[in-house]
Amino acid sequence: MKQRPPEPPRRGSVSADEILPAAVLRERFGWGQRSLPEAERRGLRTVTFGRWKYVLGKHLLSFFEALGNEPAAVEGNGEGNDGT
């Protein structure tokens, strides 16, 4: 019986034990050329080896967790200005 190749990860998903090349990260998350540099400015840790840049899955998950705790993210939860 033929083995099927593993399914590619769904768009936007990431595992803590993954090592994502920058190009894969951009493709998986639909990020443009400026998104990764902006994420780095906002605290995303990257690893550079030679001329290649990588993101560890655990760093990406921590980055998004921290973004979710920023005041702007909390304020944008769909509630009205009066807290209702």
C-alpha atoms as a PDB file:
ATOM      1  CA  MET A   1       0.000   0.000   0.000  1.00  0.00           C
ATOM      2  CA  LYS A   2       1.293   3.454  -0.911  1.00  0.00           C
ATOM      3  CA  GLN A   3       1.850   5.888   1.896  1.00  0.00           C
ATOM      4  CA  ARG A   4       0.343   9.299   1.475  1.00  0.00           C
ATOM      5  CA  PRO A   5       2.652  12.234   2.022  1.00  0.00           C
ATOM      6  CA  PRO A   6       1.881  14.114   5.230  1.00  0.00           C
ATOM      7  CA  GLU A   7      -0.637  16.901   4.835  1.00  0.00           C
ATOM      8  CA  PRO A   8       0.899  20.359   4.842  1.00  0.00           C
ATOM      9  CA  PRO A   9       0.075  22.398   7.938  1.00  0.00           C
ATOM     10  CA  ARG A  10      -3.091  24.433   7.639  1.00  0.00           C
ATOM     11  CA  ARG A  11      -2.711  28.104   6.923  1.00  0.00           C
ATOM     12  CA  GLY A  12      -1.894  29.976  10.107  1.00  0.00           C
ATOM     13  CA  SER A  13      -1.129  26.920  12.213  1.00  0.00           C
ATOM     14  CA  VAL A  14       2.196  26.361  13.926  1.00  0.00           C
ATOM     15  CA  SER A  15       3.659  23.878  16.394  1.00  0.00           C
ATOM     16  CA  ALA A  16       6.085  24.810  19.151  1.00  0.00           C
ATOM     17  CA  ASP A  17       8.650  22.291  17.874  1.00  0.00           C
ATOM     18  CA  GLU A  18       8.763  23.651  14.297  1.00  0.00           C
ATOM     19  CA  ILE A  19      11.558  25.620  12.705  1.00  0.00           C
ATOM     20  CA  LEU A  20      10.064  27.862  10.032  1.00  0.00           C
ATOM     21  CA  PRO A  21      12.149  29.466   7.305  1.00  0.00           C
ATOM     22  CA  ALA A  22      11.026  33.066   6.769  1.00  0.00           C
ATOM     23  CA  ALA A  23       9.587  32.221   3.327  1.00  0.00           C
ATOM     24  CA  VAL A  24       7.441  29.418   4.778  1.00  0.00           C
ATOM     25  CA  LEU A  25       6.278  31.685   7.580  1.00  0.00           C
ATOM     26  CA  ARG A  26       5.227  34.359   5.072  1.00  0.00           C
ATOM     27  CA  GLU A  27       3.372  31.793   2.955  1.00  0.00           C
ATOM     28  CA  ARG A  28       1.656  30.067   5.869  1.00  0.00           C
ATOM     29  CA  PHE A  29       0.457  33.292   7.456  1.00  0.00           C
ATOM     30  CA  GLY A  30      -0.138  35.254   4.263  1.00  0.00           C
ATOM     31  CA  TRP A  31       2.381  37.864   5.334  1.00  0.00           C
ATOM     32  CA  GLY A  32       3.840  40.361   2.885  1.00  0.00           C
ATOM     33  CA  GLN A  33       7.491  41.390   2.671  1.00  0.00           C
ATOM     34  CA  ARG A  34       7.131  43.991   5.449  1.00  0.00           C
ATOM     35  CA  SER A  35       5.284  41.802   7.959  1.00  0.00           C
ATOM     36  CA  LEU A  36       8.259  39.849   9.292  1.00  0.00           C
ATOM     37  CA  PRO A  37      10.429  42.947   9.860  1.00  0.00           C
ATOM     38  CA  GLU A  38       7.469  44.590  11.629  1.00  0.00           C
ATOM     39  CA  ALA A  39       6.985  41.489  13.799  1.00  0.00           C
ATOM     40  CA  GLU A  40      10.699  41.586  14.661  1.00  0.00           C
ATOM     41  CA  ARG A  41      10.406  45.257  15.680  1.00  0.00           C
ATOM     42  CA  ARG A  42       7.472  44.270  17.891  1.00  0.00           C
ATOM     43  CA  GLY A  43       9.458  41.508  19.600  1.00  0.00           C
ATOM     44  CA  LEU A  44       9.418  38.347  17.455  1.00  0.00           C
ATOM     45  CA  ARG A  45      12.693  36.478  17.958  1.00  0.00           C
ATOM     46  CA  THR A  46      14.338  35.180  14.793  1.00  0.00           C
ATOM     47  CA  VAL A  47      17.444  33.112  14.131  1.00  0.00           C
ATOM     48  CA  THR A  48      19.774  34.001  11.272  1.00  0.00           C
ATOM     49  CA  PHE A  49      22.074  31.363   9.847  1.00  0.00           C
ATOM     50  CA  GLY A  50      24.162  32.536   6.927  1.00  0.00           C
ATOM     51  CA  ARG A  51      21.818  34.518   4.745  1.00  0.00           C
ATOM     52  CA  TRP A  52      18.706  32.633   5.873  1.00  0.00           C
ATOM     53  CA  LYS A  53      16.288  33.685   8.592  1.00  0.00           C
ATOM     54  CA  TYR A  54      14.223  31.266  10.673  1.00  0.00           C
ATOM     55  CA  VAL A  55      11.552  31.501  13.345  1.00  0.00           C
ATOM     56  CA  LEU A  56      11.155  28.854  16.021  1.00  0.00           C
ATOM     57  CA  GLY A  57       7.560  27.796  16.531  1.00  0.00           C
ATOM     58  CA  LYS A  58       7.784  28.392  20.269  1.00  0.00           C
ATOM     59  CA  HIS A  59       8.940  31.981  19.658  1.00  0.00           C
ATOM     60  CA  LEU A  60       6.103  32.615  17.222  1.00  0.00           C
ATOM     61  CA  LEU A  61       3.518  31.286  19.685  1.00  0.00           C
ATOM     62  CA  SER A  62       4.985  33.446  22.470  1.00  0.00           C
ATOM     63  CA  PHE A  63       4.927  36.470  20.159  1.00  0.00           C
ATOM     64  CA  PHE A  64       1.233  36.049  19.358  1.00  0.00           C
ATOM     65  CA  GLU A  65       0.416  35.418  23.005  1.00  0.00           C
ATOM     66  CA  ALA A  66       2.145  38.689  23.937  1.00  0.00           C
ATOM     67  CA  LEU A  67       0.274  40.524  21.155  1.00  0.00           C
ATOM     68  CA  GLY A  68      -2.994  39.275  22.585  1.00  0.00           C
ATOM     69  CA  ASN A  69      -2.116  40.897  25.904  1.00  0.00           C
ATOM     70  CA  GLU A  70      -1.376  44.338  24.432  1.00  0.00           C
ATOM     71  CA  PRO A  71      -3.933  47.043  25.308  1.00  0.00           C
ATOM     72  CA  ALA A  72      -4.838  47.692  21.649  1.00  0.00           C
ATOM     73  CA  ALA A  73      -5.693  44.015  21.156  1.00  0.00           C
ATOM     74  CA  VAL A  74      -7.775  43.925  24.315  1.00  0.00           C
ATOM     75  CA  GLU A  75      -9.633  47.135  23.411  1.00  0.00           C
ATOM     76  CA  GLY A  76     -10.485  45.770  19.972  1.00  0.00           C
ATOM     77  CA  ASN A  77     -12.623  42.945  21.325  1.00  0.00           C
ATOM     78  CA  GLY A  78     -15.869  44.151  19.765  1.00  0.00           C
ATOM     79  CA  GLU A  79     -17.265  45.927  22.797  1.00  0.00           C
ATOM     80  CA  GLY A  80     -18.628  49.446  22.596  1.00  0.00           C
ATOM     81  CA  ASN A  81     -16.699  52.431  23.927  1.00  0.00           C
ATOM     82  CA  ASP A  82     -18.799  52.432  27.091  1.00  0.00           C
ATOM     83  CA  GLY A  83     -17.784  48.833  27.915  1.00  0.00           C
ATOM     84  CA  THR A  84     -21.003  47.226  26.687  1.00  0.00           C
END
